[in-house]
Amino acid sequence: MTIASDTTAPAFAAEWQAWHEAHEADRASAHGFLAITAQHWLTAEPTRFDGLPGRWSTGEEGVAVLLDQGETLLVDGAEVTGRVVFGAIPERGGLTAAFGDTLIEIAKRGGYDLLRPRHPGHPTRAGYRGTPAYEPSESWVIEGRFAPYDAPVQVTVGSVAEGLQHVYAAPGEVEFRHDGDVHRLIAFNGSAPGSLLVLFTDATSGVTTYPANRSLSVGAPDADGRVVLDFTRAVNLPCAYTEFATCPLPPAGNRLPFAVEAGERLPYERTAR
């Protein structure tokens, strides 16, 4: 069912606008993903990358860098020199090192270690004009039900990065009605305890919204399994803005057959291409 009438209350629109502005500010932060200047995959061979100090590698002890004389990095607020071992990075985890205005993201994606330098002056960030979105309508705030699996299922999905795969634990599915039909979406664990994350495409994908995916955060189900899907807060993943991304694709069944005319649309930079 829809949790509200089709008439959008001013309070709802104002709350959405505040959320949208905060989301945009975070996206365009000085060292956010719009500031990524490159993506370097690490191997066992110590390698120097353009614009970065040291020779970087990965192996049994995890990610390491060998800094030449006169080269330094700032790690956890302390200046380091020589050989620095960062250790094993957990999947979808990461840490950072800095030099000058550049922040180096050290991460693991799809089982592989990588570096992503981030600089505030990168053109993708400097030229960012914001992301257009559909007008917020309470008709797109839909009540659903969470149907947990007997045990979490490991779901493998593709990536926008060719040859890369991601594996997520799916605790269950979210079921909801739209125009009289029942739809189900595989849900992954969200960032907050008990919360859910849904990756999906729909009939707007590749037309007015980014073709590969959109993401929707869903709060933890209540005691009766009820959840709220607020499609006005469906957002683009980093791959909609930068080529230096490894975003996951939605599970095969997570394509909705109708147009979700809510949430974020194609970035201006995409529509100009």
C-alpha atoms as a PDB file:
ATOM      1  CA  MET A   1       0.000   0.000   0.000  1.00  0.00           C
ATOM      2  CA  THR A   2       1.011   3.628  -0.401  1.00  0.00           C
ATOM      3  CA  ILE A   3       1.654   5.510   2.812  1.00  0.00           C
ATOM      4  CA  ALA A   4       0.022   8.790   1.886  1.00  0.00           C
ATOM      5  CA  SER A   5      -2.215  10.382  -0.691  1.00  0.00           C
ATOM      6  CA  ASP A   6      -1.031  11.498  -4.113  1.00  0.00           C
ATOM      7  CA  THR A   7      -0.996  15.047  -2.806  1.00  0.00           C
ATOM      8  CA  THR A   8       2.476  15.775  -1.531  1.00  0.00           C
ATOM      9  CA  ALA A   9       2.448  17.695   1.728  1.00  0.00           C
ATOM     10  CA  PRO A  10       4.777  20.711   1.995  1.00  0.00           C
ATOM     11  CA  ALA A  11       6.413  19.133   5.044  1.00  0.00           C
ATOM     12  CA  PHE A  12       7.267  15.999   3.051  1.00  0.00           C
ATOM     13  CA  ALA A  13       8.741  18.048   0.208  1.00  0.00           C
ATOM     14  CA  ALA A  14      10.779  20.160   2.636  1.00  0.00           C
ATOM     15  CA  GLU A  15      12.118  17.081   4.415  1.00  0.00           C
ATOM     16  CA  TRP A  16      13.056  15.508   1.084  1.00  0.00           C
ATOM     17  CA  GLN A  17      14.790  18.707  -0.054  1.00  0.00           C
ATOM     18  CA  ALA A  18      16.876  18.826   3.133  1.00  0.00           C
ATOM     19  CA  TRP A  19      17.839  15.183   2.669  1.00  0.00           C
ATOM     20  CA  HIS A  20      18.694  15.733  -0.999  1.00  0.00           C
ATOM     21  CA  GLU A  21      20.892  18.745  -0.258  1.00  0.00           C
ATOM     22  CA  ALA A  22      22.774  16.832   2.457  1.00  0.00           C
ATOM     23  CA  HIS A  23      23.260  13.883   0.094  1.00  0.00           C
ATOM     24  CA  GLU A  24      24.600  16.196  -2.612  1.00  0.00           C
ATOM     25  CA  ALA A  25      26.971  17.891  -0.172  1.00  0.00           C
ATOM     26  CA  ASP A  26      28.376  14.528   0.886  1.00  0.00           C
ATOM     27  CA  ARG A  27      28.769  13.408  -2.737  1.00  0.00           C
ATOM     28  CA  ALA A  28      30.647  16.584  -3.649  1.00  0.00           C
ATOM     29  CA  SER A  29      32.857  16.663  -0.551  1.00  0.00           C
ATOM     30  CA  ALA A  30      36.539  17.484  -1.019  1.00  0.00           C
ATOM     31  CA  HIS A  31      37.653  13.843  -1.104  1.00  0.00           C
ATOM     32  CA  GLY A  32      34.401  12.151  -2.106  1.00  0.00           C
ATOM     33  CA  PHE A  33      34.124   9.814  -5.064  1.00  0.00           C
ATOM     34  CA  LEU A  34      33.819  12.729  -7.509  1.00  0.00           C
ATOM     35  CA  ALA A  35      37.424  13.549  -6.591  1.00  0.00           C
ATOM     36  CA  ILE A  36      38.845  10.169  -7.704  1.00  0.00           C
ATOM     37  CA  THR A  37      41.567  10.758 -10.293  1.00  0.00           C
ATOM     38  CA  ALA A  38      42.556   7.154 -11.144  1.00  0.00           C
ATOM     39  CA  GLN A  39      42.092   3.508 -10.253  1.00  0.00           C
ATOM     40  CA  HIS A  40      45.174   1.320  -9.807  1.00  0.00           C
ATOM     41  CA  TRP A  41      44.952  -2.455  -9.280  1.00  0.00           C
ATOM     42  CA  LEU A  42      47.775  -3.847  -7.155  1.00  0.00           C
ATOM     43  CA  THR A  43      49.872  -6.949  -7.822  1.00  0.00           C
ATOM     44  CA  ALA A  44      52.793  -8.661  -6.108  1.00  0.00           C
ATOM     45  CA  GLU A  45      55.177  -6.574  -8.228  1.00  0.00           C
ATOM     46  CA  PRO A  46      56.040  -3.261  -6.496  1.00  0.00           C
ATOM     47  CA  THR A  47      54.770  -0.603  -8.890  1.00  0.00           C
ATOM     48  CA  ARG A  48      55.046   3.168  -9.033  1.00  0.00           C
ATOM     49  CA  PHE A  49      51.949   5.025 -10.191  1.00  0.00           C
ATOM     50  CA  ASP A  50      51.868   8.483 -11.742  1.00  0.00           C
ATOM     51  CA  GLY A  51      51.514  11.212  -9.145  1.00  0.00           C
ATOM     52  CA  LEU A  52      51.829   8.906  -6.124  1.00  0.00           C
ATOM     53  CA  PRO A  53      54.825   8.451  -3.842  1.00  0.00           C
ATOM     54  CA  GLY A  54      56.351   5.023  -3.398  1.00  0.00           C
ATOM     55  CA  ARG A  55      56.106   1.616  -5.040  1.00  0.00           C
ATOM     56  CA  TRP A  56      52.927  -0.250  -4.142  1.00  0.00           C
ATOM     57  CA  SER A  57      52.226  -3.981  -3.961  1.00  0.00           C
ATOM     58  CA  THR A  58      50.012  -6.584  -2.356  1.00  0.00           C
ATOM     59  CA  GLY A  59      50.794 -10.069  -1.103  1.00  0.00           C
ATOM     60  CA  GLU A  60      50.544 -12.388   1.879  1.00  0.00           C
ATOM     61  CA  GLU A  61      50.974  -9.550   4.365  1.00  0.00           C
ATOM     62  CA  GLY A  62      48.488  -7.344   2.543  1.00  0.00           C
ATOM     63  CA  VAL A  63      49.008  -3.974   0.928  1.00  0.00           C
ATOM     64  CA  ALA A  64      52.436  -2.376   1.321  1.00  0.00           C
ATOM     65  CA  VAL A  65      54.325   0.615  -0.038  1.00  0.00           C
ATOM     66  CA  LEU A  66      58.058   1.252  -0.233  1.00  0.00           C
ATOM     67  CA  LEU A  67      58.782   4.968  -0.006  1.00  0.00           C
ATOM     68  CA  ASP A  68      62.038   6.252  -1.457  1.00  0.00           C
ATOM     69  CA  GLN A  69      64.287   8.687   0.395  1.00  0.00           C
ATOM     70  CA  GLY A  70      62.512  12.021   0.722  1.00  0.00           C
ATOM     71  CA  GLU A  71      59.044  10.518   0.188  1.00  0.00           C
ATOM     72  CA  THR A  72      56.501  10.506   3.005  1.00  0.00           C
ATOM     73  CA  LEU A  73      52.858   9.694   3.615  1.00  0.00           C
ATOM     74  CA  LEU A  74      50.500  10.757   6.358  1.00  0.00           C
ATOM     75  CA  VAL A  75      48.792   7.741   7.958  1.00  0.00           C
ATOM     76  CA  ASP A  76      46.463   8.145  10.930  1.00  0.00           C
ATOM     77  CA  GLY A  77      47.832  11.625  11.460  1.00  0.00           C
ATOM     78  CA  ALA A  78      51.460  10.493  11.618  1.00  0.00           C
ATOM     79  CA  GLU A  79      54.149  10.944   8.969  1.00  0.00           C
ATOM     80  CA  VAL A  80      55.616   7.633   7.769  1.00  0.00           C
ATOM     81  CA  THR A  81      58.692   6.810   5.688  1.00  0.00           C
ATOM     82  CA  GLY A  82      60.434   3.715   4.345  1.00  0.00           C
ATOM     83  CA  ARG A  83      58.397   0.530   3.967  1.00  0.00           C
ATOM     84  CA  VAL A  84      54.830   0.709   5.266  1.00  0.00           C
ATOM     85  CA  VAL A  85      52.601  -2.359   5.564  1.00  0.00           C
ATOM     86  CA  PHE A  86      48.890  -1.608   5.668  1.00  0.00           C
ATOM     87  CA  GLY A  87      47.912  -5.257   6.081  1.00  0.00           C
ATOM     88  CA  ALA A  88      44.996  -7.191   4.667  1.00  0.00           C
ATOM     89  CA  ILE A  89      42.025  -5.076   3.600  1.00  0.00           C
ATOM     90  CA  PRO A  90      38.573  -6.632   4.124  1.00  0.00           C
ATOM     91  CA  GLU A  91      36.239  -6.908   1.143  1.00  0.00           C
ATOM     92  CA  ARG A  92      34.411  -3.599   0.618  1.00  0.00           C
ATOM     93  CA  GLY A  93      36.602  -2.151   3.330  1.00  0.00           C
ATOM     94  CA  GLY A  94      39.333   0.416   3.051  1.00  0.00           C
ATOM     95  CA  LEU A  95      41.632   2.917   4.683  1.00  0.00           C
ATOM     96  CA  THR A  96      43.408   6.056   3.596  1.00  0.00           C
ATOM     97  CA  ALA A  97      46.830   7.661   3.394  1.00  0.00           C
ATOM     98  CA  ALA A  98      47.522  11.261   2.419  1.00  0.00           C
ATOM     99  CA  PHE A  99      50.159  13.475   0.905  1.00  0.00           C
ATOM    100  CA  GLY A 100      49.570  17.133   0.184  1.00  0.00           C
ATOM    101  CA  ASP A 101      45.992  17.691  -0.937  1.00  0.00           C
ATOM    102  CA  THR A 102      45.651  14.118  -2.198  1.00  0.00           C
ATOM    103  CA  LEU A 103      43.957  11.344  -0.261  1.00  0.00           C
ATOM    104  CA  ILE A 104      44.781   7.785  -1.323  1.00  0.00           C
ATOM    105  CA  GLU A 105      41.992   5.269  -0.813  1.00  0.00           C
ATOM    106  CA  ILE A 106      43.382   1.760  -0.234  1.00  0.00           C
ATOM    107  CA  ALA A 107      40.574  -0.733  -0.750  1.00  0.00           C
ATOM    108  CA  LYS A 108      39.534  -4.236  -1.741  1.00  0.00           C
ATOM    109  CA  ARG A 109      36.827  -4.784  -4.346  1.00  0.00           C
ATOM    110  CA  GLY A 110      35.829  -8.121  -5.837  1.00  0.00           C
ATOM    111  CA  GLY A 111      38.734  -9.796  -4.058  1.00  0.00           C
ATOM    112  CA  TYR A 112      41.396  -7.465  -5.473  1.00  0.00           C
ATOM    113  CA  ASP A 113      43.337  -4.672  -3.785  1.00  0.00           C
ATOM    114  CA  LEU A 114      43.407  -1.256  -5.415  1.00  0.00           C
ATOM    115  CA  LEU A 115      44.365   2.377  -4.942  1.00  0.00           C
ATOM    116  CA  ARG A 116      42.136   5.328  -5.772  1.00  0.00           C
ATOM    117  CA  PRO A 117      43.756   8.753  -5.354  1.00  0.00           C
ATOM    118  CA  ARG A 118      41.304  11.575  -4.591  1.00  0.00           C
ATOM    119  CA  HIS A 119      42.055  15.240  -5.211  1.00  0.00           C
ATOM    120  CA  PRO A 120      39.640  18.138  -4.595  1.00  0.00           C
ATOM    121  CA  GLY A 121      40.617  19.805  -7.867  1.00  0.00           C
ATOM    122  CA  HIS A 122      39.721  16.858 -10.090  1.00  0.00           C
ATOM    123  CA  PRO A 123      37.547  18.089 -13.009  1.00  0.00           C
ATOM    124  CA  THR A 124      34.712  15.659 -12.225  1.00  0.00           C
ATOM    125  CA  ARG A 125      34.302  17.319  -8.847  1.00  0.00           C
ATOM    126  CA  ALA A 126      35.185  20.857  -9.904  1.00  0.00           C
ATOM    127  CA  GLY A 127      32.644  20.755 -12.730  1.00  0.00           C
ATOM    128  CA  TYR A 128      29.878  18.981 -10.820  1.00  0.00           C
ATOM    129  CA  ARG A 129      26.503  20.708 -11.324  1.00  0.00           C
ATOM    130  CA  GLY A 130      24.391  18.580  -9.035  1.00  0.00           C
ATOM    131  CA  THR A 131      22.092  15.704  -9.868  1.00  0.00           C
ATOM    132  CA  PRO A 132      18.550  16.246 -11.173  1.00  0.00           C
ATOM    133  CA  ALA A 133      15.779  14.301  -9.489  1.00  0.00           C
ATOM    134  CA  TYR A 134      12.092  13.683  -9.940  1.00  0.00           C
ATOM    135  CA  GLU A 135       9.809  15.928  -7.933  1.00  0.00           C
ATOM    136  CA  PRO A 136       9.228  14.190  -4.579  1.00  0.00           C
ATOM    137  CA  SER A 137       5.800  12.596  -4.405  1.00  0.00           C
ATOM    138  CA  GLU A 138       4.424  10.729  -1.417  1.00  0.00           C
ATOM    139  CA  SER A 139       2.782   8.321  -3.853  1.00  0.00           C
ATOM    140  CA  TRP A 140       6.213   6.724  -4.177  1.00  0.00           C
ATOM    141  CA  VAL A 141       6.469   5.965  -0.464  1.00  0.00           C
ATOM    142  CA  ILE A 142       5.257   2.376  -0.399  1.00  0.00           C
ATOM    143  CA  GLU A 143       4.741  -0.027   2.471  1.00  0.00           C
ATOM    144  CA  GLY A 144       6.183  -3.472   1.934  1.00  0.00           C
ATOM    145  CA  ARG A 145       7.035  -6.630   3.816  1.00  0.00           C
ATOM    146  CA  PHE A 146      10.387  -8.240   4.426  1.00  0.00           C
ATOM    147  CA  ALA A 147      10.425 -11.999   3.750  1.00  0.00           C
ATOM    148  CA  PRO A 148      13.597 -13.408   5.356  1.00  0.00           C
ATOM    149  CA  TYR A 149      15.314 -16.485   3.997  1.00  0.00           C
ATOM    150  CA  ASP A 150      15.822 -19.439   6.333  1.00  0.00           C
ATOM    151  CA  ALA A 151      19.503 -18.473   6.268  1.00  0.00           C
ATOM    152  CA  PRO A 152      21.352 -15.661   4.470  1.00  0.00           C
ATOM    153  CA  VAL A 153      22.101 -16.487   0.837  1.00  0.00           C
ATOM    154  CA  GLN A 154      25.384 -15.558  -0.832  1.00  0.00           C
ATOM    155  CA  VAL A 155      24.450 -13.741  -4.033  1.00  0.00           C
ATOM    156  CA  THR A 156      27.014 -13.110  -6.772  1.00  0.00           C
ATOM    157  CA  VAL A 157      26.419 -10.099  -8.983  1.00  0.00           C
ATOM    158  CA  GLY A 158      28.337  -8.480 -11.787  1.00  0.00           C
ATOM    159  CA  SER A 159      30.106  -5.139 -11.724  1.00  0.00           C
ATOM    160  CA  VAL A 160      30.437  -2.114 -13.963  1.00  0.00           C
ATOM    161  CA  ALA A 161      34.153  -2.987 -13.940  1.00  0.00           C
ATOM    162  CA  GLU A 162      34.668  -5.613 -16.616  1.00  0.00           C
ATOM    163  CA  GLY A 163      35.582  -9.053 -15.273  1.00  0.00           C
ATOM    164  CA  LEU A 164      34.839  -8.169 -11.654  1.00  0.00           C
ATOM    165  CA  GLN A 165      32.193  -9.829  -9.488  1.00  0.00           C
ATOM    166  CA  HIS A 166      30.803  -9.005  -6.072  1.00  0.00           C
ATOM    167  CA  VAL A 167      29.366 -11.392  -3.483  1.00  0.00           C
ATOM    168  CA  TYR A 168      26.798 -10.105  -1.003  1.00  0.00           C
ATOM    169  CA  ALA A 169      24.911 -11.784   1.819  1.00  0.00           C
ATOM    170  CA  ALA A 170      21.188 -11.474   1.142  1.00  0.00           C
ATOM    171  CA  PRO A 171      19.047 -11.929   4.274  1.00  0.00           C
ATOM    172  CA  GLY A 172      15.796 -12.049   2.319  1.00  0.00           C
ATOM    173  CA  GLU A 173      13.472 -10.257  -0.076  1.00  0.00           C
ATOM    174  CA  VAL A 174      11.269  -7.187   0.081  1.00  0.00           C
ATOM    175  CA  GLU A 175       7.732  -7.644  -1.235  1.00  0.00           C
ATOM    176  CA  PHE A 176       5.384  -4.797  -2.150  1.00  0.00           C
ATOM    177  CA  ARG A 177       2.401  -3.956  -4.330  1.00  0.00           C
ATOM    178  CA  HIS A 178       2.277  -1.456  -7.156  1.00  0.00           C
ATOM    179  CA  ASP A 179      -0.776  -0.912  -9.352  1.00  0.00           C
ATOM    180  CA  GLY A 180      -2.289  -4.110  -8.006  1.00  0.00           C
ATOM    181  CA  ASP A 181       0.694  -6.343  -8.787  1.00  0.00           C
ATOM    182  CA  VAL A 182       3.083  -7.910  -6.285  1.00  0.00           C
ATOM    183  CA  HIS A 183       6.816  -7.351  -6.802  1.00  0.00           C
ATOM    184  CA  ARG A 184       9.794  -8.820  -4.962  1.00  0.00           C
ATOM    185  CA  LEU A 185      13.339  -7.495  -4.718  1.00  0.00           C
ATOM    186  CA  ILE A 186      16.366  -9.284  -3.289  1.00  0.00           C
ATOM    187  CA  ALA A 187      17.748  -7.221  -0.415  1.00  0.00           C
ATOM    188  CA  PHE A 188      21.296  -7.020   0.911  1.00  0.00           C
ATOM    189  CA  ASN A 189      22.372  -5.938   4.377  1.00  0.00           C
ATOM    190  CA  GLY A 190      22.458  -2.165   4.800  1.00  0.00           C
ATOM    191  CA  SER A 191      25.032  -0.032   6.571  1.00  0.00           C
ATOM    192  CA  ALA A 192      23.005   0.369   9.786  1.00  0.00           C
ATOM    193  CA  PRO A 193      22.228  -2.690  11.946  1.00  0.00           C
ATOM    194  CA  GLY A 194      19.094  -4.415  10.679  1.00  0.00           C
ATOM    195  CA  SER A 195      18.725  -2.095   7.690  1.00  0.00           C
ATOM    196  CA  LEU A 196      18.518  -3.264   4.087  1.00  0.00           C
ATOM    197  CA  LEU A 197      19.955  -2.185   0.752  1.00  0.00           C
ATOM    198  CA  VAL A 198      18.178  -2.771  -2.552  1.00  0.00           C
ATOM    199  CA  LEU A 199      19.854  -2.426  -5.962  1.00  0.00           C
ATOM    200  CA  PHE A 200      17.393  -2.219  -8.833  1.00  0.00           C
ATOM    201  CA  THR A 201      16.616  -1.110 -12.343  1.00  0.00           C
ATOM    202  CA  ASP A 202      13.218  -0.254 -13.822  1.00  0.00           C
ATOM    203  CA  ALA A 203      11.549   0.999 -16.990  1.00  0.00           C
ATOM    204  CA  THR A 204      13.255   4.401 -16.633  1.00  0.00           C
ATOM    205  CA  SER A 205      16.750   2.855 -16.611  1.00  0.00           C
ATOM    206  CA  GLY A 206      18.720   4.038 -19.617  1.00  0.00           C
ATOM    207  CA  VAL A 207      16.006   6.555 -20.462  1.00  0.00           C
ATOM    208  CA  THR A 208      15.777   9.123 -17.680  1.00  0.00           C
ATOM    209  CA  THR A 209      17.827   7.301 -15.023  1.00  0.00           C
ATOM    210  CA  TYR A 210      21.263   5.692 -14.983  1.00  0.00           C
ATOM    211  CA  PRO A 211      21.049   2.388 -16.916  1.00  0.00           C
ATOM    212  CA  ALA A 212      23.177   0.102 -14.730  1.00  0.00           C
ATOM    213  CA  ASN A 213      21.617   0.523 -11.310  1.00  0.00           C
ATOM    214  CA  ARG A 214      20.060   2.661  -8.630  1.00  0.00           C
ATOM    215  CA  SER A 215      20.259   2.102  -4.898  1.00  0.00           C
ATOM    216  CA  LEU A 216      17.571   2.328  -2.231  1.00  0.00           C
ATOM    217  CA  SER A 217      18.227   2.195   1.513  1.00  0.00           C
ATOM    218  CA  VAL A 218      15.432   0.586   3.539  1.00  0.00           C
ATOM    219  CA  GLY A 219      15.078   0.864   7.297  1.00  0.00           C
ATOM    220  CA  ALA A 220      15.029  -2.209   9.524  1.00  0.00           C
ATOM    221  CA  PRO A 221      11.760  -4.197   9.365  1.00  0.00           C
ATOM    222  CA  ASP A 222       9.439  -3.799  12.341  1.00  0.00           C
ATOM    223  CA  ALA A 223       8.322  -6.708  14.530  1.00  0.00           C
ATOM    224  CA  ASP A 224       5.747  -7.718  11.900  1.00  0.00           C
ATOM    225  CA  GLY A 225       8.223  -7.526   9.021  1.00  0.00           C
ATOM    226  CA  ARG A 226       6.861  -4.279   7.630  1.00  0.00           C
ATOM    227  CA  VAL A 227       9.234  -1.981   5.779  1.00  0.00           C
ATOM    228  CA  VAL A 228       8.926   1.333   3.970  1.00  0.00           C
ATOM    229  CA  LEU A 229      10.312   1.776   0.454  1.00  0.00           C
ATOM    230  CA  ASP A 230      10.750   5.489  -0.164  1.00  0.00           C
ATOM    231  CA  PHE A 231      11.606   5.542  -3.854  1.00  0.00           C
ATOM    232  CA  THR A 232      11.958   9.339  -3.735  1.00  0.00           C
ATOM    233  CA  ARG A 233      15.311   8.568  -2.084  1.00  0.00           C
ATOM    234  CA  ALA A 234      16.565   6.186  -4.772  1.00  0.00           C
ATOM    235  CA  VAL A 235      20.100   7.339  -5.579  1.00  0.00           C
ATOM    236  CA  ASN A 236      22.831   6.874  -8.134  1.00  0.00           C
ATOM    237  CA  LEU A 237      25.952   4.892  -7.284  1.00  0.00           C
ATOM    238  CA  PRO A 238      29.453   6.298  -7.993  1.00  0.00           C
ATOM    239  CA  CYS A 239      29.607   4.626 -11.424  1.00  0.00           C
ATOM    240  CA  ALA A 240      27.032   7.121 -12.703  1.00  0.00           C
ATOM    241  CA  TYR A 241      29.678   9.843 -12.302  1.00  0.00           C
ATOM    242  CA  THR A 242      33.138   8.338 -12.626  1.00  0.00           C
ATOM    243  CA  GLU A 243      34.833   5.644 -14.682  1.00  0.00           C
ATOM    244  CA  PHE A 244      36.931   4.815 -11.607  1.00  0.00           C
ATOM    245  CA  ALA A 245      34.219   2.781  -9.891  1.00  0.00           C
ATOM    246  CA  THR A 246      33.486  -0.889  -9.274  1.00  0.00           C
ATOM    247  CA  CYS A 247      29.766  -0.588  -8.506  1.00  0.00           C
ATOM    248  CA  PRO A 248      27.755  -3.809  -8.284  1.00  0.00           C
ATOM    249  CA  LEU A 249      24.956  -4.568 -10.709  1.00  0.00           C
ATOM    250  CA  PRO A 250      21.538  -5.527  -9.307  1.00  0.00           C
ATOM    251  CA  PRO A 251      20.630  -9.206  -8.929  1.00  0.00           C
ATOM    252  CA  ALA A 252      19.051 -10.558 -12.106  1.00  0.00           C
ATOM    253  CA  GLY A 253      15.529 -10.516 -10.658  1.00  0.00           C
ATOM    254  CA  ASN A 254      15.708  -6.921  -9.423  1.00  0.00           C
ATOM    255  CA  ARG A 255      14.391  -5.247 -12.570  1.00  0.00           C
ATOM    256  CA  LEU A 256      10.990  -3.696 -11.979  1.00  0.00           C
ATOM    257  CA  PRO A 257       8.693  -3.830 -15.036  1.00  0.00           C
ATOM    258  CA  PHE A 258       7.267  -0.354 -14.443  1.00  0.00           C
ATOM    259  CA  ALA A 259       8.743   3.146 -14.448  1.00  0.00           C
ATOM    260  CA  VAL A 260       9.908   4.330 -11.026  1.00  0.00           C
ATOM    261  CA  GLU A 261       9.570   8.056 -11.698  1.00  0.00           C
ATOM    262  CA  ALA A 262      11.069   8.967  -8.357  1.00  0.00           C
ATOM    263  CA  GLY A 263      14.513   9.600  -6.948  1.00  0.00           C
ATOM    264  CA  GLU A 264      17.649  10.639  -8.783  1.00  0.00           C
ATOM    265  CA  ARG A 265      17.799  10.913 -12.542  1.00  0.00           C
ATOM    266  CA  LEU A 266      20.704  10.794 -15.005  1.00  0.00           C
ATOM    267  CA  PRO A 267      23.485  13.177 -14.004  1.00  0.00           C
ATOM    268  CA  TYR A 268      23.741  16.242 -16.246  1.00  0.00           C
ATOM    269  CA  GLU A 269      27.129  15.003 -17.464  1.00  0.00           C
ATOM    270  CA  ARG A 270      25.541  11.772 -18.716  1.00  0.00           C
ATOM    271  CA  THR A 271      22.754  13.486 -20.621  1.00  0.00           C
ATOM    272  CA  ALA A 272      25.298  15.663 -22.415  1.00  0.00           C
ATOM    273  CA  ARG A 273      27.201  12.671 -23.809  1.00  0.00           C
END
